[in-house]
Structure formats: structure tokens, C-alpha cells
Amino acid sequence: MAEPGGSVRDPEAVSRFVEHFAAQLVEAGLPRMPARVFGALLASDTGVMTSVELGEQLKISPAAVSGAVRYLSQVHMVSREREPGSRRERYRVHGDQWYEALTNREAILKRWEGALREGVTSLGADTPAGRRLAETLAFFEFMEKEVEAMMERWRVYREERFGRE
């Protein structure tokens, strides 16, 4: 398997990596097909593949690729783009995909926090359930602050280690 730029790879070694990494993502809660597609994109030197390329490499149907990419797009792990001069889409994984996926979770955490606040009010802060919800709310508020600080440290570290993109 030749990658753009001339490097030659052992397709079996690439496949083993993709499947092993996908299995780790599945274990962490990602659906299987999106995990495989993400692994294939991550293992590509360009970080860009078409639906046909993904289907051929992973031996999956166009519908499976489409569903996986839809999921990965929704969680901000890949982006869709048009091939120049073509109607064909290609899918891209970015170097900052983990950062984007994590920071985009903030909106979800905000909604959970709002629902938990309502729950504390509805159930009563002095009830066992209300106290449990209040503790859960405090955990999410703590996490939100910690993630924000951690992401700032990551930006500095990434720039020092890899330079600006």
C-alpha cells in the first residue's frame, strides 16, 4: 500500500493497527464502525480518504461508511469536504480532533448541568436524591473548569512540541 508522498506500507500491519485501535475505542464506548473508520483515517498519512477508499480498505459497504462518518461528524472527530472539481466527498481527520471532540462536549455538559439544577430544585436539595443530583452537578461543574484549564495547557504544550499549524 503506497501512501501519497511515496511511503510504502504493509497493508496487513495497517489493518492490524486500525482494528486494534478501533477495538480500544469500542471498549471506551465508541460504536464499532465509526471506530474502524476513524482508525483508518488516523492511519492515513494525508488524514483524508473518500468513501470508496474507506470501503475498500475496511471491506465495508458504502452505507456503513456513510453511517460511520455521520456519527464521527456529529461528535466532531472528522469533517466532510468536497474533492476539488468533483461532487465526491472526502473525509478528514485533523491533528486536533481530540481537542475538538472534547471541547465540543462542553455544550452537552452545560445541558446536563441545567437538567441537574432543575432536578435538585424539583426533588428538593435536602432529599437523598436531591443531594445525589447536587453532587453530580458539582462534579460536572468541576470537570468543566478543569477541562478548560487543561485545554489551555494543551495548546501551549502542543505549540512547543509541534509548532503552529
Protein backbone atom coordinates (compact mmCIF):
# COMPACT_ATOMS: atom_id res chain seq x y z
CA MET A 1 0.00 0.00 0.00
CA ALA A 2 1.61 3.24 -1.15
CA GLU A 3 0.67 6.43 0.65
CA PRO A 4 0.85 9.83 -1.05
CA GLY A 5 4.43 11.00 -0.71
CA GLY A 6 5.83 7.64 -1.71
CA SER A 7 5.99 5.72 1.56
CA VAL A 8 5.15 2.03 1.20
CA ARG A 9 3.28 0.26 3.95
CA ASP A 10 2.42 -3.30 4.75
CA PRO A 11 -1.38 -3.42 4.33
CA GLU A 12 -1.62 -6.19 6.95
CA ALA A 13 0.26 -4.08 9.51
CA VAL A 14 -2.00 -1.11 8.78
CA SER A 15 -5.08 -3.30 9.09
CA ARG A 16 -3.85 -4.74 12.40
CA PHE A 17 -3.28 -1.24 13.78
CA VAL A 18 -6.69 0.01 12.61
CA GLU A 19 -8.53 -2.97 14.09
CA HIS A 20 -6.55 -2.90 17.35
CA PHE A 21 -7.05 0.84 17.83
CA ALA A 22 -10.73 0.55 16.87
CA ALA A 23 -11.15 -2.19 19.49
CA GLN A 24 -9.75 0.17 22.11
CA LEU A 25 -12.19 2.90 21.04
CA VAL A 26 -15.09 0.43 21.14
CA GLU A 27 -14.06 -0.58 24.65
CA ALA A 28 -14.25 3.12 25.58
CA GLY A 29 -17.79 3.40 24.17
CA LEU A 30 -17.44 4.39 20.51
CA PRO A 31 -19.60 2.33 18.11
CA ARG A 32 -17.62 -0.27 16.15
CA MET A 33 -17.94 1.03 12.59
CA PRO A 34 -17.16 4.69 13.43
CA ALA A 35 -14.17 3.43 15.45
CA ARG A 36 -12.86 1.49 12.43
CA VAL A 37 -13.37 4.43 10.04
CA PHE A 38 -11.67 6.79 12.47
CA GLY A 39 -8.74 4.39 12.84
CA ALA A 40 -8.34 4.14 9.07
CA LEU A 41 -8.36 7.92 8.66
CA LEU A 42 -5.91 8.34 11.52
CA ALA A 43 -3.55 5.77 9.97
CA SER A 44 -3.57 7.54 6.60
CA ASP A 45 -0.64 9.91 6.00
CA THR A 46 -2.95 12.50 4.48
CA GLY A 47 -5.69 12.03 7.08
CA VAL A 48 -8.13 12.20 4.15
CA MET A 49 -10.00 9.38 2.44
CA THR A 50 -13.04 9.00 0.20
CA SER A 51 -15.96 6.72 0.90
CA VAL A 52 -14.70 4.31 -1.76
CA GLU A 53 -11.20 4.21 -0.24
CA LEU A 54 -12.59 3.61 3.25
CA GLY A 55 -14.93 0.90 1.97
CA GLU A 56 -12.13 -0.88 0.11
CA GLN A 57 -9.66 -0.69 2.97
CA LEU A 58 -12.11 -1.77 5.66
CA LYS A 59 -14.13 -4.11 3.41
CA ILE A 60 -17.40 -2.40 4.34
CA SER A 61 -20.39 -1.13 2.37
CA PRO A 62 -20.93 2.49 1.30
CA ALA A 63 -23.89 2.61 3.72
CA ALA A 64 -21.63 1.53 6.60
CA VAL A 65 -19.11 4.25 5.68
CA SER A 66 -21.88 6.84 5.46
CA GLY A 67 -23.32 5.94 8.87
CA ALA A 68 -19.89 5.92 10.49
CA VAL A 69 -18.93 9.27 9.01
CA ARG A 70 -22.26 10.79 10.03
CA TYR A 71 -21.60 9.71 13.63
CA LEU A 72 -17.97 10.92 13.58
CA SER A 73 -19.03 14.28 12.11
CA GLN A 74 -21.65 14.76 14.81
CA VAL A 75 -19.07 14.23 17.54
CA HIS A 76 -16.53 16.46 15.74
CA MET A 77 -13.96 13.73 15.14
CA VAL A 78 -13.93 14.10 11.33
CA SER A 79 -15.01 16.69 8.81
CA ARG A 80 -16.52 16.32 5.36
CA GLU A 81 -15.23 18.19 2.34
CA ARG A 82 -15.67 18.08 -1.42
CA GLU A 83 -12.90 16.87 -3.66
CA PRO A 84 -11.82 19.84 -5.80
CA GLY A 85 -13.65 19.69 -9.15
CA SER A 86 -15.82 16.77 -8.06
CA ARG A 87 -19.13 16.09 -6.37
CA ARG A 88 -17.47 13.31 -4.41
CA GLU A 89 -16.99 13.85 -0.69
CA ARG A 90 -13.89 13.00 1.23
CA TYR A 91 -13.46 12.76 4.96
CA ARG A 92 -10.70 14.34 7.00
CA VAL A 93 -9.32 13.72 10.45
CA HIS A 94 -7.46 16.69 11.91
CA GLY A 95 -4.45 16.77 14.19
CA ASP A 96 -6.59 18.47 16.81
CA GLN A 97 -9.53 16.05 16.62
CA TRP A 98 -9.25 15.07 20.29
CA TYR A 99 -9.22 18.70 21.34
CA GLU A 100 -12.24 19.47 19.16
CA ALA A 101 -14.18 16.42 20.33
CA LEU A 102 -13.51 17.23 23.96
CA THR A 103 -14.22 20.94 23.79
CA ASN A 104 -17.44 20.33 21.85
CA ARG A 105 -18.61 18.21 24.77
CA GLU A 106 -18.88 21.42 26.79
CA ALA A 107 -22.28 22.19 25.24
CA ILE A 108 -23.50 18.77 26.32
CA LEU A 109 -22.16 19.29 29.84
CA LYS A 110 -23.95 22.65 30.03
CA ARG A 111 -27.26 20.98 29.12
CA TRP A 112 -26.68 18.23 31.69
CA GLU A 113 -25.89 20.85 34.31
CA GLY A 114 -29.14 22.68 33.54
CA ALA A 115 -31.14 19.47 33.81
CA LEU A 116 -29.42 18.58 37.09
CA ARG A 117 -30.17 22.03 38.54
CA GLU A 118 -33.84 21.53 37.67
CA GLY A 119 -33.68 18.08 39.25
CA VAL A 120 -32.23 19.42 42.50
CA THR A 121 -34.99 22.04 42.63
CA SER A 122 -37.73 19.53 41.72
CA LEU A 123 -36.60 16.79 44.09
CA GLY A 124 -35.52 19.09 46.90
CA ALA A 125 -31.91 19.80 47.83
CA ASP A 126 -32.43 18.22 51.26
CA THR A 127 -33.61 14.83 49.95
CA PRO A 128 -31.21 11.94 49.31
CA ALA A 129 -31.95 12.10 45.56
CA GLY A 130 -31.56 15.90 45.53
CA ARG A 131 -28.20 15.66 47.31
CA ARG A 132 -27.06 12.98 44.86
CA LEU A 133 -28.03 15.22 41.92
CA ALA A 134 -26.32 18.20 43.56
CA GLU A 135 -23.11 16.17 43.92
CA THR A 136 -23.34 15.09 40.29
CA LEU A 137 -23.87 18.73 39.28
CA ALA A 138 -20.84 19.79 41.33
CA PHE A 139 -18.78 17.08 39.60
CA PHE A 140 -19.73 18.37 36.13
CA GLU A 141 -19.02 21.98 37.13
CA PHE A 142 -15.63 20.89 38.49
CA MET A 143 -14.87 18.93 35.31
CA GLU A 144 -15.82 21.88 33.12
CA LYS A 145 -13.32 24.16 34.88
CA GLU A 146 -10.60 21.50 34.85
CA VAL A 147 -11.08 20.71 31.15
CA GLU A 148 -10.91 24.40 30.28
CA ALA A 149 -7.61 24.79 32.16
CA MET A 150 -6.26 21.53 30.74
CA MET A 151 -7.10 22.58 27.17
CA GLU A 152 -5.20 25.83 27.63
CA ARG A 153 -2.17 23.89 28.90
CA TRP A 154 -2.53 21.52 25.92
CA ARG A 155 -2.48 24.42 23.42
CA VAL A 156 0.80 25.68 24.92
CA TYR A 157 2.33 22.19 25.07
CA ARG A 158 1.25 21.35 21.51
CA GLU A 159 2.72 24.57 20.13
CA GLU A 160 6.01 23.95 21.97
CA ARG A 161 6.23 20.37 20.78
CA PHE A 162 4.75 20.51 17.26
CA GLY A 163 4.76 24.22 16.36
CA ARG A 164 1.86 26.14 14.92
CA GLU A 165 -0.29 24.59 12.21
